[in-house]
Amino acid sequence: MAHKKAAGSAKNLRDSNPKYRGVKLFGGQKTIAGNIIIRQKGEKFVSGDNTYTGKDKTIHANIDGVVTFSKKNIQRFDGRKYLKTVVNVVPHGEEKEVVVKKATKELAPKASAKKTTAKATTKKATAKTTTKKATPEKKPATKVAAKKTTTKKTPAKKTSTKKTT
């Protein structure tokens, strides 16, 4: 007989080291030349102005400045188009101009949208008031005839007398 109990072996206890991928500097953050902006596998993000791509597709800053992100349609060699995120670094003096341009573009449609929604709400309010005036009066409820209930008479149960012998 064996003196020790046989032990099982585990086969799935291995794990790989973390790769620490992702965005390291977000839009609007300051960067210095050489800083890593994004670590990635593949090219989900594309390097734009004042940035460069390393051999492992990591995007670095080329100059000191502020990180900005934008979307761009990029056409592949086979003609397919993809929407990619482009990473740019804007020099310190120019980031205010970029932010002001974006702010004016965003504010103009919002102001017009507010006006149209205000008009729409006033139209809805007037429509509700007019429908209240035009509604017909309710008719009085008609009485429902009471249903006659019939009770079924059950025959009396016959009791059997058993003779015991």
C-alpha atoms as a PDB file:
ATOM      1  CA  MET A   1       0.000   0.000   0.000  1.00  0.00           C
ATOM      2  CA  ALA A   2       1.049   3.544  -0.646  1.00  0.00           C
ATOM      3  CA  HIS A   3       2.061   5.633   2.309  1.00  0.00           C
ATOM      4  CA  LYS A   4       1.016   8.970   0.735  1.00  0.00           C
ATOM      5  CA  LYS A   5      -2.216   9.980  -0.911  1.00  0.00           C
ATOM      6  CA  ALA A   6      -1.773  10.865  -4.595  1.00  0.00           C
ATOM      7  CA  ALA A   7      -2.151  14.614  -5.285  1.00  0.00           C
ATOM      8  CA  GLY A   8      -3.682  16.126  -8.416  1.00  0.00           C
ATOM      9  CA  SER A   9      -1.826  18.601 -10.603  1.00  0.00           C
ATOM     10  CA  ALA A  10      -3.151  21.966 -11.750  1.00  0.00           C
ATOM     11  CA  LYS A  11      -2.550  22.814 -15.396  1.00  0.00           C
ATOM     12  CA  ASN A  12      -4.098  26.286 -15.782  1.00  0.00           C
ATOM     13  CA  LEU A  13      -2.289  28.415 -13.227  1.00  0.00           C
ATOM     14  CA  ARG A  14      -0.133  30.467 -15.604  1.00  0.00           C
ATOM     15  CA  ASP A  15      -0.765  34.159 -16.361  1.00  0.00           C
ATOM     16  CA  SER A  16       0.991  36.727 -18.522  1.00  0.00           C
ATOM     17  CA  ASN A  17       2.404  40.010 -17.302  1.00  0.00           C
ATOM     18  CA  PRO A  18       0.250  43.132 -17.756  1.00  0.00           C
ATOM     19  CA  LYS A  19       1.029  45.294 -20.794  1.00  0.00           C
ATOM     20  CA  TYR A  20      -0.277  48.630 -19.425  1.00  0.00           C
ATOM     21  CA  ARG A  21      -1.833  49.735 -22.715  1.00  0.00           C
ATOM     22  CA  GLY A  22      -4.210  52.662 -23.190  1.00  0.00           C
ATOM     23  CA  VAL A  23      -4.349  56.437 -23.278  1.00  0.00           C
ATOM     24  CA  LYS A  24      -1.714  57.991 -21.012  1.00  0.00           C
ATOM     25  CA  LEU A  25      -2.399  61.693 -21.779  1.00  0.00           C
ATOM     26  CA  PHE A  26      -5.947  62.825 -22.518  1.00  0.00           C
ATOM     27  CA  GLY A  27      -7.168  65.763 -24.615  1.00  0.00           C
ATOM     28  CA  GLY A  28      -6.281  69.138 -23.106  1.00  0.00           C
ATOM     29  CA  GLN A  29      -3.383  67.835 -21.016  1.00  0.00           C
ATOM     30  CA  LYS A  30       0.079  69.347 -21.364  1.00  0.00           C
ATOM     31  CA  THR A  31       2.920  67.213 -22.681  1.00  0.00           C
ATOM     32  CA  ILE A  32       6.638  67.553 -23.259  1.00  0.00           C
ATOM     33  CA  ALA A  33       8.640  66.234 -26.206  1.00  0.00           C
ATOM     34  CA  GLY A  34       9.091  62.469 -26.074  1.00  0.00           C
ATOM     35  CA  ASN A  35       6.205  61.740 -23.704  1.00  0.00           C
ATOM     36  CA  ILE A  36       4.103  58.664 -24.409  1.00  0.00           C
ATOM     37  CA  ILE A  37       0.551  59.724 -25.292  1.00  0.00           C
ATOM     38  CA  ILE A  38      -0.941  56.318 -26.178  1.00  0.00           C
ATOM     39  CA  ARG A  39       0.269  52.717 -25.869  1.00  0.00           C
ATOM     40  CA  GLN A  40      -1.651  50.432 -28.197  1.00  0.00           C
ATOM     41  CA  LYS A  41      -1.645  47.152 -30.075  1.00  0.00           C
ATOM     42  CA  GLY A  42      -2.461  47.829 -33.717  1.00  0.00           C
ATOM     43  CA  GLU A  43      -3.417  51.267 -34.985  1.00  0.00           C
ATOM     44  CA  LYS A  44      -6.666  52.231 -33.304  1.00  0.00           C
ATOM     45  CA  PHE A  45      -5.228  55.745 -32.898  1.00  0.00           C
ATOM     46  CA  VAL A  46      -3.196  57.400 -35.657  1.00  0.00           C
ATOM     47  CA  SER A  47      -0.394  59.903 -35.098  1.00  0.00           C
ATOM     48  CA  GLY A  48      -1.101  63.373 -36.468  1.00  0.00           C
ATOM     49  CA  ASP A  49       0.606  66.775 -36.205  1.00  0.00           C
ATOM     50  CA  ASN A  50       3.700  66.930 -33.970  1.00  0.00           C
ATOM     51  CA  THR A  51       3.494  63.247 -32.985  1.00  0.00           C
ATOM     52  CA  TYR A  52       5.286  60.110 -34.130  1.00  0.00           C
ATOM     53  CA  THR A  53       4.666  56.370 -33.923  1.00  0.00           C
ATOM     54  CA  GLY A  54       7.185  53.986 -32.366  1.00  0.00           C
ATOM     55  CA  LYS A  55       7.931  50.453 -33.545  1.00  0.00           C
ATOM     56  CA  ASP A  56       5.295  48.991 -31.204  1.00  0.00           C
ATOM     57  CA  LYS A  57       2.640  51.509 -32.431  1.00  0.00           C
ATOM     58  CA  THR A  58       3.098  53.723 -29.360  1.00  0.00           C
ATOM     59  CA  ILE A  59       2.329  57.388 -30.091  1.00  0.00           C
ATOM     60  CA  HIS A  60       4.815  59.920 -28.704  1.00  0.00           C
ATOM     61  CA  ALA A  61       4.824  63.725 -28.595  1.00  0.00           C
ATOM     62  CA  ASN A  62       7.331  65.413 -30.902  1.00  0.00           C
ATOM     63  CA  ILE A  63       7.172  68.860 -29.262  1.00  0.00           C
ATOM     64  CA  ASP A  64       6.012  70.497 -26.040  1.00  0.00           C
ATOM     65  CA  GLY A  65       2.335  71.412 -26.175  1.00  0.00           C
ATOM     66  CA  VAL A  66      -1.225  70.291 -25.485  1.00  0.00           C
ATOM     67  CA  VAL A  67      -2.723  66.966 -26.630  1.00  0.00           C
ATOM     68  CA  THR A  68      -5.798  67.111 -28.876  1.00  0.00           C
ATOM     69  CA  PHE A  69      -7.891  64.357 -30.468  1.00  0.00           C
ATOM     70  CA  SER A  70      -9.914  64.488 -33.694  1.00  0.00           C
ATOM     71  CA  LYS A  71     -11.712  62.042 -36.012  1.00  0.00           C
ATOM     72  CA  LYS A  72     -10.720  61.474 -39.634  1.00  0.00           C
ATOM     73  CA  ASN A  73     -11.841  59.175 -42.463  1.00  0.00           C
ATOM     74  CA  ILE A  74      -8.838  57.162 -43.609  1.00  0.00           C
ATOM     75  CA  GLN A  75      -8.909  55.139 -46.831  1.00  0.00           C
ATOM     76  CA  ARG A  76      -7.098  51.811 -46.988  1.00  0.00           C
ATOM     77  CA  PHE A  77      -5.251  50.375 -49.967  1.00  0.00           C
ATOM     78  CA  ASP A  78      -8.300  48.329 -50.993  1.00  0.00           C
ATOM     79  CA  GLY A  79     -10.631  51.343 -50.998  1.00  0.00           C
ATOM     80  CA  ARG A  80     -12.384  50.763 -47.670  1.00  0.00           C
ATOM     81  CA  LYS A  81     -12.805  53.808 -45.464  1.00  0.00           C
ATOM     82  CA  TYR A  82     -12.454  53.790 -41.697  1.00  0.00           C
ATOM     83  CA  LEU A  83     -13.079  56.441 -39.073  1.00  0.00           C
ATOM     84  CA  LYS A  84      -9.874  56.761 -37.056  1.00  0.00           C
ATOM     85  CA  THR A  85      -8.954  58.927 -34.098  1.00  0.00           C
ATOM     86  CA  VAL A  86      -6.009  61.211 -34.866  1.00  0.00           C
ATOM     87  CA  VAL A  87      -3.735  62.360 -32.033  1.00  0.00           C
ATOM     88  CA  ASN A  88      -2.186  65.824 -32.389  1.00  0.00           C
ATOM     89  CA  VAL A  89       0.018  67.995 -30.194  1.00  0.00           C
ATOM     90  CA  VAL A  90      -0.668  71.717 -30.496  1.00  0.00           C
ATOM     91  CA  PRO A  91       2.129  74.118 -29.444  1.00  0.00           C
ATOM     92  CA  HIS A  92       1.465  76.113 -26.235  1.00  0.00           C
ATOM     93  CA  GLY A  93       0.627  79.420 -27.998  1.00  0.00           C
ATOM     94  CA  GLU A  94      -1.916  77.929 -30.419  1.00  0.00           C
ATOM     95  CA  GLU A  95      -4.132  75.812 -28.147  1.00  0.00           C
ATOM     96  CA  LYS A  96      -6.263  78.811 -27.119  1.00  0.00           C
ATOM     97  CA  GLU A  97      -7.173  79.530 -30.747  1.00  0.00           C
ATOM     98  CA  VAL A  98      -8.166  75.910 -31.349  1.00  0.00           C
ATOM     99  CA  VAL A  99     -10.331  75.828 -28.220  1.00  0.00           C
ATOM    100  CA  VAL A 100     -12.034  79.136 -29.140  1.00  0.00           C
ATOM    101  CA  LYS A 101     -12.819  77.884 -32.666  1.00  0.00           C
ATOM    102  CA  LYS A 102     -14.335  74.665 -31.332  1.00  0.00           C
ATOM    103  CA  ALA A 103     -16.360  76.538 -28.722  1.00  0.00           C
ATOM    104  CA  THR A 104     -17.899  78.925 -31.276  1.00  0.00           C
ATOM    105  CA  LYS A 105     -18.832  76.020 -33.566  1.00  0.00           C
ATOM    106  CA  GLU A 106     -20.484  74.130 -30.727  1.00  0.00           C
ATOM    107  CA  LEU A 107     -22.399  77.103 -29.319  1.00  0.00           C
ATOM    108  CA  ALA A 108     -24.062  78.171 -32.568  1.00  0.00           C
ATOM    109  CA  PRO A 109     -26.062  74.963 -33.183  1.00  0.00           C
ATOM    110  CA  LYS A 110     -27.044  74.698 -29.526  1.00  0.00           C
ATOM    111  CA  ALA A 111     -28.525  78.205 -29.485  1.00  0.00           C
ATOM    112  CA  SER A 112     -30.626  77.515 -32.588  1.00  0.00           C
ATOM    113  CA  ALA A 113     -31.704  74.171 -31.135  1.00  0.00           C
ATOM    114  CA  LYS A 114     -32.934  75.917 -27.998  1.00  0.00           C
ATOM    115  CA  LYS A 115     -35.011  78.332 -30.079  1.00  0.00           C
ATOM    116  CA  THR A 116     -36.635  75.522 -32.049  1.00  0.00           C
ATOM    117  CA  THR A 117     -37.414  73.557 -28.907  1.00  0.00           C
ATOM    118  CA  ALA A 118     -38.961  76.653 -27.335  1.00  0.00           C
ATOM    119  CA  LYS A 119     -41.170  77.107 -30.411  1.00  0.00           C
ATOM    120  CA  ALA A 120     -42.122  73.449 -30.364  1.00  0.00           C
ATOM    121  CA  THR A 121     -43.111  73.586 -26.700  1.00  0.00           C
ATOM    122  CA  THR A 122     -45.303  76.642 -27.273  1.00  0.00           C
ATOM    123  CA  LYS A 123     -46.989  74.897 -30.214  1.00  0.00           C
ATOM    124  CA  LYS A 124     -47.631  71.855 -28.042  1.00  0.00           C
ATOM    125  CA  ALA A 125     -49.079  74.016 -25.289  1.00  0.00           C
ATOM    126  CA  THR A 126     -51.466  75.775 -27.704  1.00  0.00           C
ATOM    127  CA  ALA A 127     -52.452  72.431 -29.220  1.00  0.00           C
ATOM    128  CA  LYS A 128     -53.311  71.077 -25.779  1.00  0.00           C
ATOM    129  CA  THR A 129     -55.475  74.083 -24.938  1.00  0.00           C
ATOM    130  CA  THR A 130     -57.365  73.840 -28.223  1.00  0.00           C
ATOM    131  CA  THR A 131     -57.993  70.129 -27.809  1.00  0.00           C
ATOM    132  CA  LYS A 132     -59.428  70.700 -24.366  1.00  0.00           C
ATOM    133  CA  LYS A 133     -62.010  73.113 -25.772  1.00  0.00           C
ATOM    134  CA  ALA A 134     -62.972  70.829 -28.663  1.00  0.00           C
ATOM    135  CA  THR A 135     -63.529  67.650 -26.640  1.00  0.00           C
ATOM    136  CA  PRO A 136     -67.156  66.419 -26.640  1.00  0.00           C
ATOM    137  CA  GLU A 137     -69.040  65.999 -23.392  1.00  0.00           C
ATOM    138  CA  LYS A 138     -69.093  62.594 -21.809  1.00  0.00           C
ATOM    139  CA  LYS A 139     -72.240  60.514 -22.224  1.00  0.00           C
ATOM    140  CA  PRO A 140     -73.904  59.269 -19.062  1.00  0.00           C
ATOM    141  CA  ALA A 141     -73.111  55.692 -18.232  1.00  0.00           C
ATOM    142  CA  THR A 142     -75.808  53.143 -19.102  1.00  0.00           C
ATOM    143  CA  LYS A 143     -77.007  50.739 -16.483  1.00  0.00           C
ATOM    144  CA  VAL A 144     -76.007  47.167 -16.993  1.00  0.00           C
ATOM    145  CA  ALA A 145     -78.807  44.645 -16.425  1.00  0.00           C
ATOM    146  CA  ALA A 146     -78.106  42.357 -13.543  1.00  0.00           C
ATOM    147  CA  LYS A 147     -77.563  38.779 -14.606  1.00  0.00           C
ATOM    148  CA  LYS A 148     -79.874  36.204 -13.178  1.00  0.00           C
ATOM    149  CA  THR A 149     -78.065  33.582 -11.257  1.00  0.00           C
ATOM    150  CA  THR A 150     -79.431  30.093 -11.328  1.00  0.00           C
ATOM    151  CA  THR A 151     -78.528  27.597  -8.708  1.00  0.00           C
ATOM    152  CA  LYS A 152     -78.356  23.986  -9.649  1.00  0.00           C
ATOM    153  CA  LYS A 153     -79.892  21.577  -7.252  1.00  0.00           C
ATOM    154  CA  THR A 154     -77.688  18.635  -6.560  1.00  0.00           C
ATOM    155  CA  PRO A 155     -79.387  15.304  -6.014  1.00  0.00           C
ATOM    156  CA  ALA A 156     -79.135  13.889  -2.528  1.00  0.00           C
ATOM    157  CA  LYS A 157     -76.456  11.326  -2.083  1.00  0.00           C
ATOM    158  CA  LYS A 158     -77.645   7.806  -1.734  1.00  0.00           C
ATOM    159  CA  THR A 159     -76.325   6.047   1.246  1.00  0.00           C
ATOM    160  CA  SER A 160     -75.765   2.390   0.749  1.00  0.00           C
ATOM    161  CA  THR A 161     -76.271  -0.055   3.515  1.00  0.00           C
ATOM    162  CA  LYS A 162     -73.818  -2.826   3.472  1.00  0.00           C
ATOM    163  CA  LYS A 163     -74.665  -6.110   4.968  1.00  0.00           C
ATOM    164  CA  THR A 164     -71.951  -7.684   6.916  1.00  0.00           C
ATOM    165  CA  THR A 165     -71.965 -11.431   6.978  1.00  0.00           C
END
